[in-house]
Protein backbone atom coordinates (compact mmCIF):
# COMPACT_ATOMS: atom_id res chain seq x y z
CA MET A 1 -22.71 15.60 12.21
CA LYS A 2 -20.81 17.68 14.75
CA ARG A 3 -19.47 14.54 16.45
CA ALA A 4 -18.30 13.16 13.09
CA ALA A 5 -16.39 16.39 12.42
CA ILE A 6 -14.73 16.13 15.83
CA LEU A 7 -13.84 12.48 15.13
CA ILE A 8 -12.36 13.37 11.73
CA LEU A 9 -10.31 16.20 13.26
CA PHE A 10 -9.10 13.86 16.01
CA LEU A 11 -8.15 11.22 13.42
CA LEU A 12 -6.32 13.86 11.40
CA LEU A 13 -4.25 14.84 14.43
CA LEU A 14 -3.68 11.19 15.33
CA SER A 15 -2.52 10.45 11.78
CA LEU A 16 -0.05 13.34 11.95
CA LEU A 17 1.36 11.90 15.18
CA SER A 18 1.45 8.40 13.70
CA GLY A 19 3.19 9.65 10.55
CA TYR A 20 5.78 11.50 12.63
CA LEU A 21 6.44 8.44 14.79
CA LEU A 22 6.68 6.13 11.78
CA SER A 23 9.22 8.48 10.22
CA SER A 24 11.23 8.39 13.47
CA ALA A 25 12.62 4.92 12.90
CA SER A 26 16.05 4.28 14.33
CA TRP A 27 19.10 4.96 12.18
CA ALA A 28 19.61 1.22 11.66
CA GLY A 29 15.93 0.86 10.76
CA LYS A 30 16.13 3.63 8.17
CA VAL A 31 19.22 2.04 6.64
CA GLY A 32 17.42 -1.31 6.50
CA ILE A 33 14.40 0.28 4.82
CA SER A 34 16.64 2.02 2.27
CA MET A 35 18.63 -1.11 1.46
CA PHE A 36 16.25 -4.05 1.84
CA TYR A 37 12.66 -2.86 2.19
CA LYS A 38 12.34 -0.19 -0.49
CA GLU A 39 8.56 -0.59 -0.63
CA TYR A 40 8.44 1.06 2.82
CA GLU A 41 10.65 4.05 1.97
CA PHE A 42 7.60 6.31 2.03
CA LEU A 43 7.51 5.81 5.81
CA LYS A 44 10.71 7.85 6.11
CA TYR A 45 8.62 10.94 5.31
CA TRP A 46 6.17 11.87 8.07
CA TYR A 47 3.61 13.43 5.73
CA LYS A 48 3.43 10.32 3.51
CA GLY A 49 2.85 7.99 6.45
CA ALA A 50 0.31 10.41 7.93
CA ALA A 51 -1.53 10.74 4.62
CA LEU A 52 -1.74 6.99 4.10
CA CYS A 53 -2.96 6.44 7.65
CA PHE A 54 -5.59 9.19 7.33
CA ILE A 55 -6.79 7.95 3.92
CA ILE A 56 -7.23 4.41 5.22
CA TRP A 57 -9.09 5.69 8.29
CA MET A 58 -11.39 7.81 6.11
CA PHE A 59 -12.10 4.76 3.95
CA LEU A 60 -12.92 2.70 7.06
CA LEU A 61 -15.01 5.54 8.49
CA GLY A 62 -16.96 5.80 5.24
CA LEU A 63 -17.44 2.05 4.93
CA GLN A 64 -18.56 1.64 8.51
CA SER A 65 -20.83 4.68 8.17
CA VAL A 66 -22.58 3.11 5.18
CA LEU A 67 -22.93 -0.17 7.06
CA GLN A 68 -24.24 1.71 10.10
CA SER A 69 -26.93 3.42 8.05
CA GLN A 70 -27.94 0.36 5.99
CA LEU A 71 -28.00 -2.35 8.64
CA ARG A 72 -30.23 -2.94 11.63
CA ARG A 73 -28.79 -1.72 14.93
CA THR A 74 -27.94 -5.20 16.23
CA THR A 75 -26.33 -6.22 12.93
CA SER A 76 -24.31 -3.02 12.72
CA ILE A 77 -23.06 -3.48 16.29
CA PHE A 78 -22.01 -7.02 15.36
CA VAL A 79 -20.11 -5.70 12.31
CA HIS A 80 -18.37 -3.03 14.42
CA LEU A 81 -17.45 -5.65 17.02
CA ILE A 82 -15.86 -7.73 14.26
CA ALA A 83 -13.93 -4.61 13.18
CA ILE A 84 -12.77 -4.16 16.79
CA MET A 85 -11.61 -7.77 16.92
CA LEU A 86 -9.71 -7.34 13.64
CA ALA A 87 -8.07 -4.15 14.92
CA LEU A 88 -7.12 -5.86 18.19
CA PHE A 89 -5.70 -8.78 16.22
CA GLY A 90 -3.72 -6.32 14.07
CA LEU A 91 -2.45 -4.57 17.20
CA TYR A 92 -1.42 -7.87 18.77
CA PHE A 93 0.17 -9.13 15.54
CA SER A 94 2.14 -5.87 15.18
CA TYR A 95 3.33 -6.06 18.78
CA SER A 96 4.29 -9.72 18.43
CA ASP A 97 6.06 -9.11 15.12
CA PHE A 98 8.01 -6.15 16.53
CA ARG A 99 9.17 -8.32 19.44
CA GLN A 100 10.06 -11.47 17.52
CA ASN A 101 11.38 -10.25 14.16
CA ILE A 102 14.86 -8.77 14.62
CA SER A 103 14.68 -6.63 11.47
CA HIS A 104 11.44 -5.09 12.75
CA ARG A 105 12.69 -4.79 16.31
CA ILE A 106 15.56 -2.52 15.27
CA LEU A 107 13.11 0.02 13.80
CA GLY A 108 12.78 1.42 17.31
CA GLU A 109 10.02 2.13 19.79
CA ARG A 110 8.85 5.37 18.18
CA PHE A 111 8.23 3.54 14.91
CA HIS A 112 6.38 0.82 16.80
CA LEU A 113 4.17 3.40 18.54
CA GLY A 114 3.30 4.91 15.16
CA ALA A 115 2.15 1.50 13.92
CA TYR A 116 0.15 0.87 17.09
CA LEU A 117 -1.63 4.20 16.63
CA PHE A 118 -2.99 3.00 13.30
CA TRP A 119 -4.81 0.11 14.97
CA ILE A 120 -5.94 2.35 17.83
CA GLY A 121 -7.44 4.74 15.29
CA TRP A 122 -9.52 1.92 13.80
CA LEU A 123 -10.63 0.92 17.29
CA ILE A 124 -11.77 4.49 17.90
CA ILE A 125 -13.76 4.54 14.64
CA SER A 126 -15.53 1.31 15.55
CA LEU A 127 -16.26 2.45 19.10
CA TYR A 128 -17.63 5.71 17.73
CA PHE A 129 -20.27 3.80 15.77
CA ILE A 130 -21.11 1.42 18.60
CA LEU A 131 -21.67 4.33 20.99
CA GLN A 132 -23.61 6.36 18.43
CA LYS A 133 -27.38 6.23 18.55
CA LYS A 134 -28.97 4.92 15.36
CA GLN A 135 -30.70 7.71 13.47
CA GLN A 136 -34.29 6.97 12.51
CA LYS A 137 -35.02 7.44 8.83
CA LYS A 138 -37.70 10.04 8.28
CA LYS A 139 -40.53 8.84 6.10
CA HIS A 140 -42.09 11.26 3.67
CA HIS A 141 -45.77 10.82 2.97
CA ASN A 142 -47.21 12.06 -0.28
CA ALA A 143 -50.74 13.35 0.15
């Protein structure tokens, strides 16, 4: 339980950094968001981006925790490896999109780093469960 609290605190701090970086889009990027991509206007406010990032991570942490407790060790490792592959794909797709799409490229490197941190956070969650020892369920015997 102590390690989970440390992970949650770390993810909270990482989400604050991610939210700050996402809100640090370039001037041209902020203008583009305001004029053409209004659905992303919340990213101009660090606390909104941080909150969304943290909420999604807590959902993933909860989901993967349930899977960890309900599945056999080998099956849960397989599920977490799939999550790692999805996060790596998301990281690669984000990087590729930021390099090839001019409207995303002008958002600036700080914004890009904020997006990359989201995927890194999911990688950390998945690695946490892979490295965690499976807890044995205690059986209660009625006499």
